[in-house]
């Protein structure tokens, strides 16, 4: 049986995602390095006047780094 879309369900999903990100930031030192690097890249992009296409590439690279860190954290927690 498939559950129907509910607003409350979406809110709970976002809550779980935020808890997971917070867990990663609390427990993984590399996540803090990624956070600092993300902020520095955004500030450098604003300072140097990066264009829309370049922003797309930068955002995709930052997303890839965060996804890799999250998957690494998940695998580490599963392997314990």
PDB file of N, CA and C in Angstrom:
ATOM      1  N   UNK A   1       0.842  -1.180   0.000  1.00  0.00           N
ATOM      2  CA  UNK A   1       0.000   0.000   0.000  1.00  0.00           C
ATOM      3  C   UNK A   1       0.889   1.245   0.000  1.00  0.00           C
ATOM      4  N   UNK A   2       0.618   2.177  -0.874  1.00  0.00           N
ATOM      5  CA  UNK A   2       1.384   3.400  -1.002  1.00  0.00           C
ATOM      6  C   UNK A   2       0.761   4.500  -0.162  1.00  0.00           C
ATOM      7  N   UNK A   3       1.607   5.184   0.611  1.00  0.00           N
ATOM      8  CA  UNK A   3       1.111   6.313   1.395  1.00  0.00           C
ATOM      9  C   UNK A   3       0.931   7.511   0.484  1.00  0.00           C
ATOM     10  N   UNK A   4      -0.089   8.295   0.762  1.00  0.00           N
ATOM     11  CA  UNK A   4      -0.312   9.494  -0.037  1.00  0.00           C
ATOM     12  C   UNK A   4       0.589  10.620   0.480  1.00  0.00           C
ATOM     13  N   UNK A   5       0.793  11.592  -0.362  1.00  0.00           N
ATOM     14  CA  UNK A   5       1.597  12.758  -0.012  1.00  0.00           C
ATOM     15  C   UNK A   5       0.894  13.554   1.067  1.00  0.00           C
ATOM     16  N   UNK A   6       1.621  13.854   2.139  1.00  0.00           N
ATOM     17  CA  UNK A   6       1.064  14.709   3.187  1.00  0.00           C
ATOM     18  C   UNK A   6       2.088  15.784   3.532  1.00  0.00           C
ATOM     19  N   UNK A   7       1.594  16.930   3.885  1.00  0.00           N
ATOM     20  CA  UNK A   7       2.464  18.030   4.272  1.00  0.00           C
ATOM     21  C   UNK A   7       3.224  17.683   5.550  1.00  0.00           C
ATOM     22  N   UNK A   8       2.540  17.055   6.510  1.00  0.00           N
ATOM     23  CA  UNK A   8       3.186  16.655   7.757  1.00  0.00           C
ATOM     24  C   UNK A   8       4.325  15.671   7.497  1.00  0.00           C
ATOM     25  N   UNK A   9       4.123  14.765   6.561  1.00  0.00           N
ATOM     26  CA  UNK A   9       5.165  13.810   6.205  1.00  0.00           C
ATOM     27  C   UNK A   9       6.394  14.487   5.630  1.00  0.00           C
ATOM     28  N   UNK A  10       6.175  15.501   4.795  1.00  0.00           N
ATOM     29  CA  UNK A  10       7.304  16.248   4.220  1.00  0.00           C
ATOM     30  C   UNK A  10       8.056  17.003   5.306  1.00  0.00           C
ATOM     31  N   UNK A  11       7.320  17.594   6.244  1.00  0.00           N
ATOM     32  CA  UNK A  11       7.954  18.327   7.348  1.00  0.00           C
ATOM     33  C   UNK A  11       8.802  17.373   8.186  1.00  0.00           C
ATOM     34  N   UNK A  12       8.282  16.180   8.472  1.00  0.00           N
ATOM     35  CA  UNK A  12       9.056  15.177   9.221  1.00  0.00           C
ATOM     36  C   UNK A  12      10.312  14.786   8.458  1.00  0.00           C
ATOM     37  N   UNK A  13      10.204  14.613   7.148  1.00  0.00           N
ATOM     38  CA  UNK A  13      11.364  14.254   6.328  1.00  0.00           C
ATOM     39  C   UNK A  13      12.444  15.328   6.400  1.00  0.00           C
ATOM     40  N   UNK A  14      12.041  16.581   6.321  1.00  0.00           N
ATOM     41  CA  UNK A  14      13.001  17.675   6.430  1.00  0.00           C
ATOM     42  C   UNK A  14      13.641  17.662   7.819  1.00  0.00           C
ATOM     43  N   UNK A  15      12.847  17.393   8.833  1.00  0.00           N
ATOM     44  CA  UNK A  15      13.378  17.305  10.203  1.00  0.00           C
ATOM     45  C   UNK A  15      14.428  16.218  10.334  1.00  0.00           C
ATOM     46  N   UNK A  16      14.174  15.053   9.744  1.00  0.00           N
ATOM     47  CA  UNK A  16      15.154  13.963   9.784  1.00  0.00           C
ATOM     48  C   UNK A  16      16.427  14.352   9.050  1.00  0.00           C
ATOM     49  N   UNK A  17      16.286  15.030   7.915  1.00  0.00           N
ATOM     50  CA  UNK A  17      17.458  15.464   7.145  1.00  0.00           C
ATOM     51  C   UNK A  17      18.290  16.453   7.950  1.00  0.00           C
ATOM     52  N   UNK A  18      17.643  17.411   8.600  1.00  0.00           N
ATOM     53  CA  UNK A  18      18.355  18.395   9.413  1.00  0.00           C
ATOM     54  C   UNK A  18      19.064  17.708  10.574  1.00  0.00           C
ATOM     55  N   UNK A  19      18.412  16.738  11.222  1.00  0.00           N
ATOM     56  CA  UNK A  19      19.054  15.994  12.311  1.00  0.00           C
ATOM     57  C   UNK A  19      20.282  15.243  11.812  1.00  0.00           C
ATOM     58  N   UNK A  20      20.192  14.672  10.619  1.00  0.00           N
ATOM     59  CA  UNK A  20      21.328  13.955  10.052  1.00  0.00           C
ATOM     60  C   UNK A  20      22.493  14.874   9.752  1.00  0.00           C
ATOM     61  N   UNK A  21      22.198  16.039   9.197  1.00  0.00           N
ATOM     62  CA  UNK A  21      23.257  17.014   8.902  1.00  0.00           C
ATOM     63  C   UNK A  21      23.891  17.497  10.201  1.00  0.00           C
ATOM     64  N   UNK A  22      23.072  17.751  11.206  1.00  0.00           N
ATOM     65  CA  UNK A  22      23.588  18.202  12.488  1.00  0.00           C
ATOM     66  C   UNK A  22      24.470  17.118  13.123  1.00  0.00           C
ATOM     67  N   UNK A  23      24.058  15.850  13.015  1.00  0.00           N
ATOM     68  CA  UNK A  23      24.867  14.743  13.531  1.00  0.00           C
ATOM     69  C   UNK A  23      26.218  14.697  12.822  1.00  0.00           C
ATOM     70  N   UNK A  24      26.203  14.857  11.518  1.00  0.00           N
ATOM     71  CA  UNK A  24      27.440  14.851  10.753  1.00  0.00           C
ATOM     72  C   UNK A  24      28.349  16.002  11.193  1.00  0.00           C
ATOM     73  N   UNK A  25      27.803  17.183  11.354  1.00  0.00           N
ATOM     74  CA  UNK A  25      28.606  18.329  11.765  1.00  0.00           C
ATOM     75  C   UNK A  25      29.141  18.177  13.182  1.00  0.00           C
ATOM     76  N   UNK A  26      28.380  17.531  14.059  1.00  0.00           N
ATOM     77  CA  UNK A  26      28.824  17.331  15.439  1.00  0.00           C
ATOM     78  C   UNK A  26      29.913  16.277  15.564  1.00  0.00           C
ATOM     79  N   UNK A  27      29.867  15.261  14.720  1.00  0.00           N
ATOM     80  CA  UNK A  27      30.737  14.105  14.933  1.00  0.00           C
ATOM     81  C   UNK A  27      31.889  13.990  13.945  1.00  0.00           C
ATOM     82  N   UNK A  28      31.863  14.707  12.851  1.00  0.00           N
ATOM     83  CA  UNK A  28      32.886  14.545  11.821  1.00  0.00           C
ATOM     84  C   UNK A  28      33.698  15.823  11.667  1.00  0.00           C
ATOM     85  N   UNK A  29      34.991  15.721  11.985  1.00  0.00           N
ATOM     86  CA  UNK A  29      35.858  16.895  11.875  1.00  0.00           C
ATOM     87  C   UNK A  29      35.975  17.364  10.426  1.00  0.00           C
ATOM     88  N   UNK A  30      35.978  16.427   9.496  1.00  0.00           N
ATOM     89  CA  UNK A  30      36.082  16.813   8.082  1.00  0.00           C
ATOM     90  C   UNK A  30      34.872  17.615   7.616  1.00  0.00           C
ATOM     91  N   UNK A  31      33.718  17.390   8.236  1.00  0.00           N
ATOM     92  CA  UNK A  31      32.534  18.170   7.867  1.00  0.00           C
ATOM     93  C   UNK A  31      32.747  19.647   8.194  1.00  0.00           C
ATOM     94  N   UNK A  32      33.460  19.923   9.277  1.00  0.00           N
ATOM     95  CA  UNK A  32      33.753  21.320   9.611  1.00  0.00           C
ATOM     96  C   UNK A  32      34.681  21.929   8.578  1.00  0.00           C
ATOM     97  N   UNK A  33      35.640  21.124   8.093  1.00  0.00           N
ATOM     98  CA  UNK A  33      36.532  21.610   7.044  1.00  0.00           C
ATOM     99  C   UNK A  33      35.732  21.914   5.780  1.00  0.00           C
ATOM    100  N   UNK A  34      34.786  21.025   5.438  1.00  0.00           N
ATOM    101  CA  UNK A  34      33.920  21.262   4.277  1.00  0.00           C
ATOM    102  C   UNK A  34      33.073  22.513   4.475  1.00  0.00           C
ATOM    103  N   UNK A  35      32.589  22.725   5.698  1.00  0.00           N
ATOM    104  CA  UNK A  35      31.764  23.908   5.971  1.00  0.00           C
ATOM    105  C   UNK A  35      32.581  25.188   5.783  1.00  0.00           C
ATOM    106  N   UNK A  36      33.797  25.206   6.313  1.00  0.00           N
ATOM    107  CA  UNK A  36      34.650  26.386   6.157  1.00  0.00           C
ATOM    108  C   UNK A  36      34.985  26.597   4.683  1.00  0.00           C
ATOM    109  N   UNK A  37      35.333  25.510   3.988  1.00  0.00           N
ATOM    110  CA  UNK A  37      35.657  25.628   2.565  1.00  0.00           C
ATOM    111  C   UNK A  37      34.459  26.132   1.767  1.00  0.00           C
ATOM    112  N   UNK A  38      33.266  25.662   2.099  1.00  0.00           N
ATOM    113  CA  UNK A  38      32.055  26.109   1.408  1.00  0.00           C
ATOM    114  C   UNK A  38      31.865  27.610   1.580  1.00  0.00           C
ATOM    115  N   UNK A  39      32.010  28.085   2.817  1.00  0.00           N
ATOM    116  CA  UNK A  39      31.854  29.521   3.077  1.00  0.00           C
ATOM    117  C   UNK A  39      32.922  30.322   2.332  1.00  0.00           C
ATOM    118  N   UNK A  40      34.171  29.831   2.334  1.00  0.00           N
ATOM    119  CA  UNK A  40      35.251  30.541   1.639  1.00  0.00           C
ATOM    120  C   UNK A  40      35.021  30.594   0.136  1.00  0.00           C
ATOM    121  N   UNK A  41      34.534  29.504  -0.431  1.00  0.00           N
ATOM    122  CA  UNK A  41      34.254  29.480  -1.873  1.00  0.00           C
ATOM    123  C   UNK A  41      33.139  30.469  -2.218  1.00  0.00           C
ATOM    124  N   UNK A  42      32.109  30.500  -1.397  1.00  0.00           N
ATOM    125  CA  UNK A  42      31.001  31.436  -1.647  1.00  0.00           C
ATOM    126  C   UNK A  42      31.495  32.878  -1.545  1.00  0.00           C
ATOM    127  N   UNK A  43      32.274  33.177  -0.505  1.00  0.00           N
ATOM    128  CA  UNK A  43      32.803  34.535  -0.353  1.00  0.00           C
ATOM    129  C   UNK A  43      33.737  34.908  -1.501  1.00  0.00           C
ATOM    130  N   UNK A  44      34.598  33.962  -1.916  1.00  0.00           N
ATOM    131  CA  UNK A  44      35.502  34.235  -3.044  1.00  0.00           C
ATOM    132  C   UNK A  44      34.706  34.446  -4.326  1.00  0.00           C
ATOM    133  N   UNK A  45      33.654  33.651  -4.523  1.00  0.00           N
ATOM    134  CA  UNK A  45      32.821  33.821  -5.707  1.00  0.00           C
ATOM    135  C   UNK A  45      32.148  35.177  -5.750  1.00  0.00           C
ATOM    136  N   UNK A  46      31.686  35.639  -4.594  1.00  0.00           N
ATOM    137  CA  UNK A  46      31.073  36.968  -4.532  1.00  0.00           C
ATOM    138  C   UNK A  46      32.120  38.059  -4.754  1.00  0.00           C
ATOM    139  N   UNK A  47      33.291  37.890  -4.162  1.00  0.00           N
ATOM    140  CA  UNK A  47      34.359  38.890  -4.295  1.00  0.00           C
ATOM    141  C   UNK A  47      34.841  39.016  -5.739  1.00  0.00           C
ATOM    142  N   UNK A  48      35.008  37.883  -6.422  1.00  0.00           N
ATOM    143  CA  UNK A  48      35.532  37.894  -7.782  1.00  0.00           C
ATOM    144  C   UNK A  48      34.451  38.043  -8.852  1.00  0.00           C
ATOM    145  N   UNK A  49      33.206  38.139  -8.461  1.00  0.00           N
ATOM    146  CA  UNK A  49      32.126  38.348  -9.419  1.00  0.00           C
ATOM    147  C   UNK A  49      31.911  37.179 -10.363  1.00  0.00           C
ATOM    148  N   UNK A  50      31.837  36.001  -9.803  1.00  0.00           N
ATOM    149  CA  UNK A  50      31.654  34.783 -10.594  1.00  0.00           C
ATOM    150  C   UNK A  50      30.317  34.847 -11.332  1.00  0.00           C
ATOM    151  N   UNK A  51      30.319  34.404 -12.583  1.00  0.00           N
ATOM    152  CA  UNK A  51      29.118  34.436 -13.410  1.00  0.00           C
ATOM    153  C   UNK A  51      28.176  33.273 -13.108  1.00  0.00           C
ATOM    154  N   UNK A  52      26.973  33.320 -13.681  1.00  0.00           N
ATOM    155  CA  UNK A  52      25.965  32.291 -13.407  1.00  0.00           C
ATOM    156  C   UNK A  52      26.419  30.866 -13.751  1.00  0.00           C
ATOM    157  N   UNK A  53      27.063  30.696 -14.890  1.00  0.00           N
ATOM    158  CA  UNK A  53      27.530  29.364 -15.270  1.00  0.00           C
ATOM    159  C   UNK A  53      28.598  28.845 -14.327  1.00  0.00           C
ATOM    160  N   UNK A  54      29.481  29.739 -13.909  1.00  0.00           N
ATOM    161  CA  UNK A  54      30.528  29.360 -12.960  1.00  0.00           C
ATOM    162  C   UNK A  54      29.934  29.023 -11.598  1.00  0.00           C
ATOM    163  N   UNK A  55      28.882  29.757 -11.194  1.00  0.00           N
ATOM    164  CA  UNK A  55      28.206  29.443  -9.932  1.00  0.00           C
ATOM    165  C   UNK A  55      27.611  28.035  -9.982  1.00  0.00           C
ATOM    166  N   UNK A  56      27.032  27.701 -11.117  1.00  0.00           N
ATOM    167  CA  UNK A  56      26.457  26.349 -11.256  1.00  0.00           C
ATOM    168  C   UNK A  56      27.535  25.295 -11.034  1.00  0.00           C
ATOM    169  N   UNK A  57      28.692  25.492 -11.633  1.00  0.00           N
ATOM    170  CA  UNK A  57      29.801  24.534 -11.464  1.00  0.00           C
ATOM    171  C   UNK A  57      30.279  24.493 -10.014  1.00  0.00           C
ATOM    172  N   UNK A  58      30.399  25.657  -9.397  1.00  0.00           N
ATOM    173  CA  UNK A  58      30.840  25.706  -8.001  1.00  0.00           C
ATOM    174  C   UNK A  58      29.833  25.023  -7.070  1.00  0.00           C
ATOM    175  N   UNK A  59      28.558  25.291  -7.293  1.00  0.00           N
ATOM    176  CA  UNK A  59      27.528  24.684  -6.444  1.00  0.00           C
ATOM    177  C   UNK A  59      27.512  23.166  -6.626  1.00  0.00           C
ATOM    178  N   UNK A  60      27.636  22.710  -7.863  1.00  0.00           N
ATOM    179  CA  UNK A  60      27.683  21.260  -8.097  1.00  0.00           C
ATOM    180  C   UNK A  60      28.892  20.628  -7.412  1.00  0.00           C
ATOM    181  N   UNK A  61      30.042  21.297  -7.455  1.00  0.00           N
ATOM    182  CA  UNK A  61      31.239  20.767  -6.791  1.00  0.00           C
ATOM    183  C   UNK A  61      31.053  20.733  -5.275  1.00  0.00           C
ATOM    184  N   UNK A  62      30.449  21.782  -4.721  1.00  0.00           N
ATOM    185  CA  UNK A  62      30.209  21.802  -3.271  1.00  0.00           C
ATOM    186  C   UNK A  62      29.214  20.718  -2.868  1.00  0.00           C
ATOM    187  N   UNK A  63      28.172  20.548  -3.656  1.00  0.00           N
ATOM    188  CA  UNK A  63      27.181  19.502  -3.372  1.00  0.00           C
ATOM    189  C   UNK A  63      27.837  18.129  -3.423  1.00  0.00           C
ATOM    190  N   UNK A  64      28.690  17.909  -4.428  1.00  0.00           N
ATOM    191  CA  UNK A  64      29.378  16.614  -4.543  1.00  0.00           C
ATOM    192  C   UNK A  64      30.253  16.354  -3.324  1.00  0.00           C
ATOM    193  N   UNK A  65      30.965  17.375  -2.845  1.00  0.00           N
ATOM    194  CA  UNK A  65      31.812  17.209  -1.661  1.00  0.00           C
ATOM    195  C   UNK A  65      30.980  16.891  -0.429  1.00  0.00           C
ATOM    196  N   UNK A  66      29.857  17.583  -0.260  1.00  0.00           N
ATOM    197  CA  UNK A  66      28.998  17.327   0.902  1.00  0.00           C
ATOM    198  C   UNK A  66      28.354  15.940   0.833  1.00  0.00           C
ATOM    199  N   UNK A  67      27.947  15.528  -0.355  1.00  0.00           N
ATOM    200  CA  UNK A  67      27.361  14.190  -0.497  1.00  0.00           C
ATOM    201  C   UNK A  67      28.409  13.128  -0.182  1.00  0.00           C
ATOM    202  N   UNK A  68      29.623  13.315  -0.677  1.00  0.00           N
ATOM    203  CA  UNK A  68      30.689  12.353  -0.388  1.00  0.00           C
ATOM    204  C   UNK A  68      30.961  12.281   1.113  1.00  0.00           C
ATOM    205  N   UNK A  69      30.982  13.422   1.779  1.00  0.00           N
ATOM    206  CA  UNK A  69      31.204  13.433   3.225  1.00  0.00           C
ATOM    207  C   UNK A  69      30.059  12.747   3.964  1.00  0.00           C
ATOM    208  N   UNK A  70      28.829  12.999   3.537  1.00  0.00           N
ATOM    209  CA  UNK A  70      27.672  12.377   4.183  1.00  0.00           C
ATOM    210  C   UNK A  70      27.687  10.859   3.990  1.00  0.00           C
ATOM    211  N   UNK A  71      27.991  10.408   2.782  1.00  0.00           N
ATOM    212  CA  UNK A  71      28.058   8.967   2.535  1.00  0.00           C
ATOM    213  C   UNK A  71      29.196   8.328   3.328  1.00  0.00           C
ATOM    214  N   UNK A  72      30.331   9.006   3.418  1.00  0.00           N
ATOM    215  CA  UNK A  72      31.445   8.508   4.206  1.00  0.00           C
ATOM    216  C   UNK A  72      31.040   8.381   5.673  1.00  0.00           C
ATOM    217  N   UNK A  73      30.357   9.399   6.188  1.00  0.00           N
ATOM    218  CA  UNK A  73      29.895   9.366   7.576  1.00  0.00           C
ATOM    219  C   UNK A  73      28.928   8.202   7.788  1.00  0.00           C
ATOM    220  N   UNK A  74      27.994   8.014   6.856  1.00  0.00           N
ATOM    221  CA  UNK A  74      27.040   6.910   6.967  1.00  0.00           C
ATOM    222  C   UNK A  74      27.758   5.565   7.001  1.00  0.00           C
ATOM    223  N   UNK A  75      28.704   5.380   6.097  1.00  0.00           N
ATOM    224  CA  UNK A  75      29.439   4.112   6.056  1.00  0.00           C
ATOM    225  C   UNK A  75      30.250   3.888   7.326  1.00  0.00           C
ATOM    226  N   UNK A  76      30.846   4.945   7.857  1.00  0.00           N
ATOM    227  CA  UNK A  76      31.588   4.818   9.116  1.00  0.00           C
ATOM    228  C   UNK A  76      30.657   4.410  10.255  1.00  0.00           C
ATOM    229  N   UNK A  77      29.476   5.013  10.321  1.00  0.00           N
ATOM    230  CA  UNK A  77      28.537   4.670  11.389  1.00  0.00           C
ATOM    231  C   UNK A  77      28.018   3.242  11.238  1.00  0.00           C
ATOM    232  N   UNK A  78      27.825   2.780  10.005  1.00  0.00           N
ATOM    233  CA  UNK A  78      27.369   1.417   9.782  1.00  0.00           C
ATOM    234  C   UNK A  78      28.447   0.395  10.103  1.00  0.00           C
ATOM    235  N   UNK A  79      29.702   0.778   9.913  1.00  0.00           N
ATOM    236  CA  UNK A  79      30.804  -0.155  10.131  1.00  0.00           C
ATOM    237  C   UNK A  79      31.185  -0.298  11.603  1.00  0.00           C
ATOM    238  N   UNK A  80      30.691   0.577  12.455  1.00  0.00           N
ATOM    239  CA  UNK A  80      31.030   0.493  13.883  1.00  0.00           C
ATOM    240  C   UNK A  80      30.435  -0.730  14.519  1.00  0.00           C
TER     241      UNK A  80
END
